[in-house]
Amino acid sequence: MHIRQTLKRSEYTNIVNRISVRYQLRPMTKEQTRQYIDYQVAHHGGDPKIFDESVKDHIHEFTGGNPRGINNAAIACLLYATSKRSLRIDEAAFRQASAELHWN
């Protein structure tokens, strides 16, 4: 059930009355996903080249361009790379990170 449908139910009236801002992010395109990952990594002091371009594409495909999903997938890849002391996130790292989180 979609959250909008759920919130229409009468038992959620109090919650709905407390929500002051409603906004739904649209999925990003593949190019926007690449740029978003690069921006976030650079903004936090990293080198965007840590992610192979193919991995950014896999992240986009896996998440459907959903920003929260992109964040979660990228973080999982970064955590996996950190645990392996790797300076690159390649397709193998992406597969391993997704397997560990039961995404595949």
N, C-alpha and C. Protein backbone atom coordinates (compact mmCIF):
# COMPACT_ATOMS: atom_id res chain seq x y z
N MET A 1 0.85 -1.18 0.00
CA MET A 1 0.00 0.00 0.00
C MET A 1 0.90 1.24 0.00
N HIS A 2 0.58 2.17 -0.82
CA HIS A 2 1.33 3.42 -0.92
C HIS A 2 1.07 4.27 0.31
N ILE A 3 2.05 5.01 0.76
CA ILE A 3 1.91 5.79 2.00
C ILE A 3 0.79 6.82 1.91
N ARG A 4 0.58 7.39 0.73
CA ARG A 4 -0.52 8.36 0.60
C ARG A 4 -1.86 7.71 0.87
N GLN A 5 -2.04 6.50 0.40
CA GLN A 5 -3.29 5.78 0.65
C GLN A 5 -3.43 5.44 2.13
N THR A 6 -2.33 5.04 2.73
CA THR A 6 -2.36 4.71 4.15
C THR A 6 -2.75 5.91 4.99
N LEU A 7 -2.15 7.07 4.68
CA LEU A 7 -2.41 8.27 5.48
C LEU A 7 -3.83 8.79 5.32
N LYS A 8 -4.54 8.36 4.31
CA LYS A 8 -5.94 8.78 4.12
C LYS A 8 -6.88 8.10 5.11
N ARG A 9 -6.41 7.04 5.72
CA ARG A 9 -7.25 6.31 6.67
C ARG A 9 -7.47 7.15 7.92
N SER A 10 -8.65 7.06 8.48
CA SER A 10 -9.05 7.93 9.59
C SER A 10 -8.15 7.79 10.82
N GLU A 11 -7.60 6.62 11.06
CA GLU A 11 -6.77 6.46 12.26
C GLU A 11 -5.45 7.23 12.18
N TYR A 12 -5.13 7.76 11.01
CA TYR A 12 -3.89 8.53 10.85
C TYR A 12 -4.13 10.03 10.76
N THR A 13 -5.32 10.48 11.07
CA THR A 13 -5.66 11.91 10.99
C THR A 13 -4.70 12.77 11.80
N ASN A 14 -4.38 12.35 13.02
CA ASN A 14 -3.47 13.14 13.86
C ASN A 14 -2.09 13.27 13.24
N ILE A 15 -1.60 12.21 12.64
CA ILE A 15 -0.28 12.27 11.98
C ILE A 15 -0.34 13.21 10.80
N VAL A 16 -1.37 13.09 9.99
CA VAL A 16 -1.53 13.93 8.80
C VAL A 16 -1.58 15.40 9.19
N ASN A 17 -2.25 15.71 10.29
CA ASN A 17 -2.35 17.10 10.75
C ASN A 17 -1.01 17.66 11.20
N ARG A 18 -0.06 16.81 11.53
CA ARG A 18 1.26 17.27 11.98
C ARG A 18 2.26 17.42 10.84
N ILE A 19 1.92 16.92 9.68
CA ILE A 19 2.82 17.04 8.53
C ILE A 19 2.63 18.40 7.90
N SER A 20 3.68 19.22 7.94
CA SER A 20 3.56 20.57 7.42
C SER A 20 4.07 20.71 6.00
N VAL A 21 4.95 19.83 5.58
CA VAL A 21 5.50 19.90 4.23
C VAL A 21 5.39 18.53 3.59
N ARG A 22 4.88 18.51 2.38
CA ARG A 22 4.78 17.25 1.64
C ARG A 22 5.46 17.44 0.30
N TYR A 23 6.34 16.54 0.02
CA TYR A 23 7.06 16.62 -1.25
C TYR A 23 7.49 15.23 -1.65
N GLN A 24 7.31 14.92 -2.90
CA GLN A 24 7.73 13.62 -3.40
C GLN A 24 8.81 13.83 -4.44
N LEU A 25 9.99 13.27 -4.17
CA LEU A 25 11.09 13.37 -5.11
C LEU A 25 10.86 12.42 -6.28
N ARG A 26 11.12 12.91 -7.44
CA ARG A 26 11.01 12.06 -8.62
C ARG A 26 12.33 11.32 -8.81
N PRO A 27 12.26 10.16 -9.46
CA PRO A 27 13.50 9.41 -9.71
C PRO A 27 14.47 10.22 -10.57
N MET A 28 15.75 10.01 -10.31
CA MET A 28 16.79 10.67 -11.10
C MET A 28 17.04 9.87 -12.38
N THR A 29 17.55 10.57 -13.38
CA THR A 29 18.00 9.89 -14.58
C THR A 29 19.36 9.25 -14.29
N LYS A 30 19.83 8.44 -15.21
CA LYS A 30 21.14 7.80 -15.03
C LYS A 30 22.23 8.86 -14.90
N GLU A 31 22.19 9.89 -15.73
CA GLU A 31 23.20 10.95 -15.67
C GLU A 31 23.09 11.72 -14.35
N GLN A 32 21.88 12.00 -13.90
CA GLN A 32 21.71 12.69 -12.62
C GLN A 32 22.24 11.83 -11.47
N THR A 33 22.03 10.54 -11.55
CA THR A 33 22.55 9.63 -10.52
C THR A 33 24.07 9.70 -10.47
N ARG A 34 24.71 9.63 -11.64
CA ARG A 34 26.18 9.73 -11.67
C ARG A 34 26.65 11.04 -11.04
N GLN A 35 26.02 12.15 -11.45
CA GLN A 35 26.41 13.46 -10.94
C GLN A 35 26.16 13.57 -9.43
N TYR A 36 25.06 13.01 -8.99
CA TYR A 36 24.70 13.06 -7.57
C TYR A 36 25.73 12.30 -6.73
N ILE A 37 26.10 11.11 -7.16
CA ILE A 37 27.11 10.33 -6.43
C ILE A 37 28.44 11.09 -6.41
N ASP A 38 28.85 11.61 -7.56
CA ASP A 38 30.11 12.37 -7.62
C ASP A 38 30.07 13.58 -6.69
N TYR A 39 28.96 14.30 -6.71
CA TYR A 39 28.83 15.49 -5.88
C TYR A 39 28.91 15.12 -4.40
N GLN A 40 28.15 14.10 -4.00
CA GLN A 40 28.13 13.72 -2.59
C GLN A 40 29.50 13.27 -2.10
N VAL A 41 30.19 12.46 -2.90
CA VAL A 41 31.52 12.00 -2.51
C VAL A 41 32.47 13.18 -2.38
N ALA A 42 32.49 14.07 -3.38
CA ALA A 42 33.39 15.23 -3.35
C ALA A 42 33.02 16.18 -2.21
N HIS A 43 31.74 16.39 -2.01
CA HIS A 43 31.28 17.30 -0.95
C HIS A 43 31.73 16.84 0.43
N HIS A 44 31.88 15.53 0.60
CA HIS A 44 32.30 14.98 1.88
C HIS A 44 33.79 14.66 1.92
N GLY A 45 34.54 15.23 0.97
CA GLY A 45 35.99 15.15 1.02
C GLY A 45 36.61 13.97 0.31
N GLY A 46 35.82 13.22 -0.43
CA GLY A 46 36.36 12.06 -1.13
C GLY A 46 36.64 12.34 -2.59
N ASP A 47 37.20 11.36 -3.24
CA ASP A 47 37.48 11.43 -4.68
C ASP A 47 36.38 10.67 -5.41
N PRO A 48 35.59 11.37 -6.22
CA PRO A 48 34.50 10.70 -6.95
C PRO A 48 34.97 9.54 -7.83
N LYS A 49 36.25 9.52 -8.17
CA LYS A 49 36.77 8.44 -9.02
C LYS A 49 36.83 7.11 -8.28
N ILE A 50 36.51 7.12 -6.98
CA ILE A 50 36.48 5.86 -6.24
C ILE A 50 35.44 4.91 -6.82
N PHE A 51 34.35 5.46 -7.36
CA PHE A 51 33.29 4.66 -7.97
C PHE A 51 33.57 4.50 -9.46
N ASP A 52 33.65 3.27 -9.94
CA ASP A 52 33.70 3.05 -11.38
C ASP A 52 32.39 3.56 -11.98
N GLU A 53 32.46 4.07 -13.19
CA GLU A 53 31.26 4.57 -13.86
C GLU A 53 30.20 3.47 -13.97
N SER A 54 30.64 2.25 -14.23
CA SER A 54 29.68 1.14 -14.37
C SER A 54 28.94 0.89 -13.06
N VAL A 55 29.59 1.13 -11.94
CA VAL A 55 28.95 0.94 -10.64
C VAL A 55 27.86 1.99 -10.43
N LYS A 56 28.14 3.21 -10.84
CA LYS A 56 27.11 4.25 -10.74
C LYS A 56 25.89 3.86 -11.56
N ASP A 57 26.13 3.28 -12.73
CA ASP A 57 25.03 2.81 -13.57
C ASP A 57 24.27 1.67 -12.89
N HIS A 58 25.00 0.74 -12.27
CA HIS A 58 24.35 -0.36 -11.54
C HIS A 58 23.52 0.19 -10.37
N ILE A 59 24.05 1.16 -9.67
CA ILE A 59 23.32 1.77 -8.56
C ILE A 59 22.03 2.38 -9.08
N HIS A 60 22.12 3.08 -10.21
CA HIS A 60 20.91 3.68 -10.78
C HIS A 60 19.89 2.61 -11.14
N GLU A 61 20.34 1.57 -11.81
CA GLU A 61 19.43 0.49 -12.22
C GLU A 61 18.82 -0.20 -11.02
N PHE A 62 19.62 -0.45 -10.02
CA PHE A 62 19.16 -1.14 -8.83
C PHE A 62 18.12 -0.33 -8.07
N THR A 63 18.34 0.99 -7.97
CA THR A 63 17.47 1.85 -7.16
C THR A 63 16.35 2.49 -7.96
N GLY A 64 16.42 2.38 -9.28
CA GLY A 64 15.41 3.06 -10.10
C GLY A 64 15.55 4.57 -10.04
N GLY A 65 16.72 5.04 -9.59
CA GLY A 65 16.95 6.48 -9.51
C GLY A 65 16.39 7.13 -8.26
N ASN A 66 15.90 6.33 -7.32
CA ASN A 66 15.35 6.86 -6.08
C ASN A 66 16.48 7.41 -5.21
N PRO A 67 16.42 8.71 -4.84
CA PRO A 67 17.54 9.32 -4.09
C PRO A 67 17.90 8.59 -2.80
N ARG A 68 16.92 8.17 -2.03
CA ARG A 68 17.24 7.47 -0.78
C ARG A 68 17.91 6.13 -1.07
N GLY A 69 17.43 5.46 -2.09
CA GLY A 69 18.04 4.19 -2.49
C GLY A 69 19.46 4.38 -2.97
N ILE A 70 19.68 5.46 -3.74
CA ILE A 70 21.03 5.77 -4.22
C ILE A 70 21.97 5.98 -3.03
N ASN A 71 21.52 6.76 -2.06
CA ASN A 71 22.34 6.99 -0.86
C ASN A 71 22.66 5.67 -0.17
N ASN A 72 21.65 4.84 0.05
CA ASN A 72 21.85 3.57 0.75
C ASN A 72 22.81 2.66 0.00
N ALA A 73 22.64 2.57 -1.31
CA ALA A 73 23.51 1.70 -2.12
C ALA A 73 24.95 2.22 -2.12
N ALA A 74 25.11 3.52 -2.29
CA ALA A 74 26.45 4.10 -2.31
C ALA A 74 27.15 3.93 -0.96
N ILE A 75 26.41 4.14 0.11
CA ILE A 75 26.98 3.97 1.45
C ILE A 75 27.39 2.51 1.67
N ALA A 76 26.55 1.58 1.25
CA ALA A 76 26.89 0.16 1.39
C ALA A 76 28.18 -0.15 0.64
N CYS A 77 28.32 0.39 -0.56
CA CYS A 77 29.54 0.17 -1.34
C CYS A 77 30.75 0.78 -0.64
N LEU A 78 30.58 1.99 -0.11
CA LEU A 78 31.69 2.64 0.60
C LEU A 78 32.09 1.86 1.85
N LEU A 79 31.10 1.36 2.58
CA LEU A 79 31.41 0.56 3.78
C LEU A 79 32.13 -0.73 3.40
N TYR A 80 31.67 -1.36 2.32
CA TYR A 80 32.34 -2.58 1.87
C TYR A 80 33.79 -2.28 1.48
N ALA A 81 33.99 -1.21 0.70
CA ALA A 81 35.35 -0.85 0.26
C ALA A 81 36.23 -0.54 1.46
N THR A 82 35.68 0.15 2.44
CA THR A 82 36.44 0.48 3.65
C THR A 82 36.84 -0.79 4.39
N SER A 83 35.91 -1.73 4.49
CA SER A 83 36.21 -2.97 5.21
C SER A 83 37.31 -3.78 4.52
N LYS A 84 37.44 -3.61 3.22
CA LYS A 84 38.47 -4.32 2.45
C LYS A 84 39.70 -3.46 2.19
N ARG A 85 39.69 -2.26 2.75
CA ARG A 85 40.79 -1.30 2.56
C ARG A 85 41.04 -1.04 1.06
N SER A 86 39.96 -0.95 0.33
CA SER A 86 40.03 -0.74 -1.11
C SER A 86 39.86 0.73 -1.46
N LEU A 87 40.58 1.19 -2.45
CA LEU A 87 40.46 2.57 -2.91
C LEU A 87 39.57 2.69 -4.14
N ARG A 88 39.00 1.56 -4.58
CA ARG A 88 38.11 1.54 -5.76
C ARG A 88 36.86 0.75 -5.43
N ILE A 89 35.77 1.22 -6.00
CA ILE A 89 34.52 0.46 -5.92
C ILE A 89 34.19 0.04 -7.34
N ASP A 90 34.48 -1.23 -7.60
CA ASP A 90 34.23 -1.78 -8.94
C ASP A 90 32.98 -2.65 -8.90
N GLU A 91 32.70 -3.32 -10.01
CA GLU A 91 31.49 -4.14 -10.09
C GLU A 91 31.50 -5.28 -9.07
N ALA A 92 32.66 -5.86 -8.84
CA ALA A 92 32.76 -6.94 -7.85
C ALA A 92 32.40 -6.41 -6.46
N ALA A 93 32.87 -5.23 -6.12
CA ALA A 93 32.56 -4.63 -4.81
C ALA A 93 31.06 -4.34 -4.72
N PHE A 94 30.48 -3.84 -5.80
CA PHE A 94 29.05 -3.57 -5.81
C PHE A 94 28.26 -4.87 -5.59
N ARG A 95 28.63 -5.92 -6.30
CA ARG A 95 27.94 -7.21 -6.16
C ARG A 95 28.04 -7.72 -4.73
N GLN A 96 29.24 -7.61 -4.16
CA GLN A 96 29.45 -8.09 -2.80
C GLN A 96 28.63 -7.27 -1.80
N ALA A 97 28.67 -5.95 -1.94
CA ALA A 97 27.91 -5.09 -1.03
C ALA A 97 26.42 -5.38 -1.15
N SER A 98 25.92 -5.57 -2.36
CA SER A 98 24.50 -5.84 -2.53
C SER A 98 24.14 -7.23 -1.99
N ALA A 99 25.03 -8.19 -2.13
CA ALA A 99 24.77 -9.54 -1.60
C ALA A 99 24.71 -9.51 -0.07
N GLU A 100 25.59 -8.77 0.53
CA GLU A 100 25.63 -8.71 1.99
C GLU A 100 24.37 -8.06 2.55
N LEU A 101 23.76 -7.18 1.77
CA LEU A 101 22.53 -6.54 2.21
C LEU A 101 21.29 -7.20 1.64
N HIS A 102 21.49 -8.35 1.00
CA HIS A 102 20.38 -9.14 0.45
C HIS A 102 19.57 -8.36 -0.58
N TRP A 103 20.26 -7.62 -1.45
CA TRP A 103 19.58 -6.84 -2.50
C TRP A 103 19.37 -7.66 -3.75
N ASN A 104 20.17 -8.67 -3.96
CA ASN A 104 20.05 -9.38 -5.23
C ASN A 104 19.22 -10.62 -5.12
